[in-house]
Amino acid sequence: MDGENVGSAFLVRESNRVARLRPLLVEPRALGPGHGKRLVDECARTARQLGYRQMTLWTHDVLRVARHIYEKTGFCLVSGEPYHSFGHDLVGETWELDL
């Protein structure tokens, strides 16, 4: 944004067929104009080019903006599991996208 990096995402190998999207980070000041979706779309495009058949990710149910991006990109929620961390009750979620 204006020549400055305002976000990042990692695409890593989970298996021969599955790529994993690692932390999606977008600076708060850059939220809104589609930077997060663009990062996720680029990771999916790269995964397809590399021959992966699926992408997976793990997130928290409270990260509503990120979850909205994943939904818009075509990811489906496949599981959720409550856990307790750093004094808080949370729900971890696994999402998948068929490529």
Protein backbone atom coordinates (compact mmCIF):
# COMPACT_ATOMS: atom_id res chain seq x y z
CA MET A 1 0.00 0.00 0.00
CA ASP A 2 1.69 3.19 -1.17
CA GLY A 3 4.86 1.12 -1.74
CA GLU A 4 4.85 -0.39 1.73
CA ASN A 5 4.22 -4.02 2.76
CA VAL A 6 1.01 -4.17 4.75
CA GLY A 7 0.45 -7.91 4.94
CA SER A 8 1.82 -11.39 4.54
CA ALA A 9 0.78 -15.02 4.25
CA PHE A 10 2.76 -18.24 4.10
CA LEU A 11 2.05 -21.26 1.94
CA VAL A 12 3.75 -24.43 3.21
CA ARG A 13 3.73 -28.09 2.25
CA GLU A 14 1.43 -30.22 4.40
CA SER A 15 1.73 -33.30 2.16
CA ASN A 16 2.21 -34.09 -1.53
CA ARG A 17 -1.42 -33.13 -2.21
CA VAL A 18 -2.15 -30.56 0.50
CA ALA A 19 -0.74 -27.08 1.08
CA ARG A 20 -1.24 -25.22 4.36
CA LEU A 21 -1.96 -21.52 4.61
CA ARG A 22 -0.06 -20.20 7.59
CA PRO A 23 -0.67 -16.93 9.37
CA LEU A 24 -2.50 -14.36 7.31
CA LEU A 25 -1.49 -10.98 8.62
CA VAL A 26 -2.79 -7.62 7.42
CA GLU A 27 -1.96 -4.35 9.12
CA PRO A 28 -5.10 -2.83 10.70
CA ARG A 29 -4.68 0.35 8.66
CA ALA A 30 -4.83 -1.73 5.46
CA LEU A 31 -8.05 -3.58 6.24
CA GLY A 32 -10.96 -3.02 3.90
CA PRO A 33 -9.66 -2.67 0.34
CA GLY A 34 -9.14 -6.42 -0.22
CA HIS A 35 -5.48 -6.90 0.67
CA GLY A 36 -6.19 -10.00 2.77
CA LYS A 37 -8.28 -11.67 0.08
CA ARG A 38 -5.63 -10.87 -2.51
CA LEU A 39 -2.98 -12.60 -0.37
CA VAL A 40 -5.17 -15.70 0.09
CA ASP A 41 -6.07 -15.76 -3.61
CA GLU A 42 -2.38 -15.57 -4.53
CA CYS A 43 -1.55 -18.46 -2.18
CA ALA A 44 -4.33 -20.55 -3.76
CA ARG A 45 -3.10 -19.71 -7.26
CA THR A 46 0.45 -20.67 -6.32
CA ALA A 47 -0.73 -23.91 -4.69
CA ARG A 48 -2.59 -24.86 -7.89
CA GLN A 49 0.48 -24.09 -10.01
CA LEU A 50 2.59 -26.28 -7.74
CA GLY A 51 0.17 -29.18 -8.20
CA TYR A 52 -1.52 -29.23 -4.80
CA ARG A 53 -5.11 -30.49 -4.78
CA GLN A 54 -6.20 -28.88 -1.52
CA MET A 55 -5.34 -26.10 0.90
CA THR A 56 -6.00 -26.22 4.62
CA LEU A 57 -5.69 -23.69 7.42
CA TRP A 58 -6.27 -23.41 11.16
CA THR A 59 -7.71 -20.31 12.77
CA HIS A 60 -9.74 -19.09 15.74
CA ASP A 61 -13.48 -18.54 15.59
CA VAL A 62 -13.07 -15.01 17.00
CA LEU A 63 -11.03 -13.84 13.98
CA ARG A 64 -14.13 -12.75 12.08
CA VAL A 65 -12.41 -10.69 9.39
CA ALA A 66 -10.06 -13.55 8.47
CA ARG A 67 -12.91 -16.07 8.51
CA HIS A 68 -14.88 -13.84 6.13
CA ILE A 69 -11.90 -13.75 3.75
CA TYR A 70 -11.62 -17.55 3.85
CA GLU A 71 -15.34 -17.93 3.13
CA LYS A 72 -15.15 -15.49 0.20
CA THR A 73 -12.20 -17.43 -1.19
CA GLY A 74 -14.16 -20.69 -1.10
CA PHE A 75 -12.78 -22.36 2.02
CA CYS A 76 -15.22 -24.53 3.98
CA LEU A 77 -15.20 -24.97 7.74
CA VAL A 78 -14.59 -28.68 8.41
CA SER A 79 -14.11 -28.79 12.17
CA GLY A 80 -13.99 -26.75 15.34
CA GLU A 81 -12.59 -27.71 18.68
CA PRO A 82 -12.70 -25.81 21.98
CA TYR A 83 -9.47 -25.36 23.89
CA HIS A 84 -8.08 -23.25 26.70
CA SER A 85 -4.99 -21.10 26.15
CA PHE A 86 -3.42 -18.18 28.02
CA GLY A 87 -6.38 -18.05 30.39
CA HIS A 88 -9.04 -17.93 27.67
CA ASP A 89 -11.57 -20.40 26.34
CA LEU A 90 -11.23 -20.43 22.54
CA VAL A 91 -12.41 -22.44 19.57
CA GLY A 92 -9.83 -23.53 16.99
CA GLU A 93 -11.14 -24.17 13.49
CA THR A 94 -9.88 -26.13 10.51
CA TRP A 95 -10.88 -24.91 7.06
CA GLU A 96 -10.25 -26.56 3.65
CA LEU A 97 -10.32 -25.47 0.03
CA ASP A 98 -10.39 -27.93 -2.85
CA LEU A 99 -8.15 -26.68 -5.63
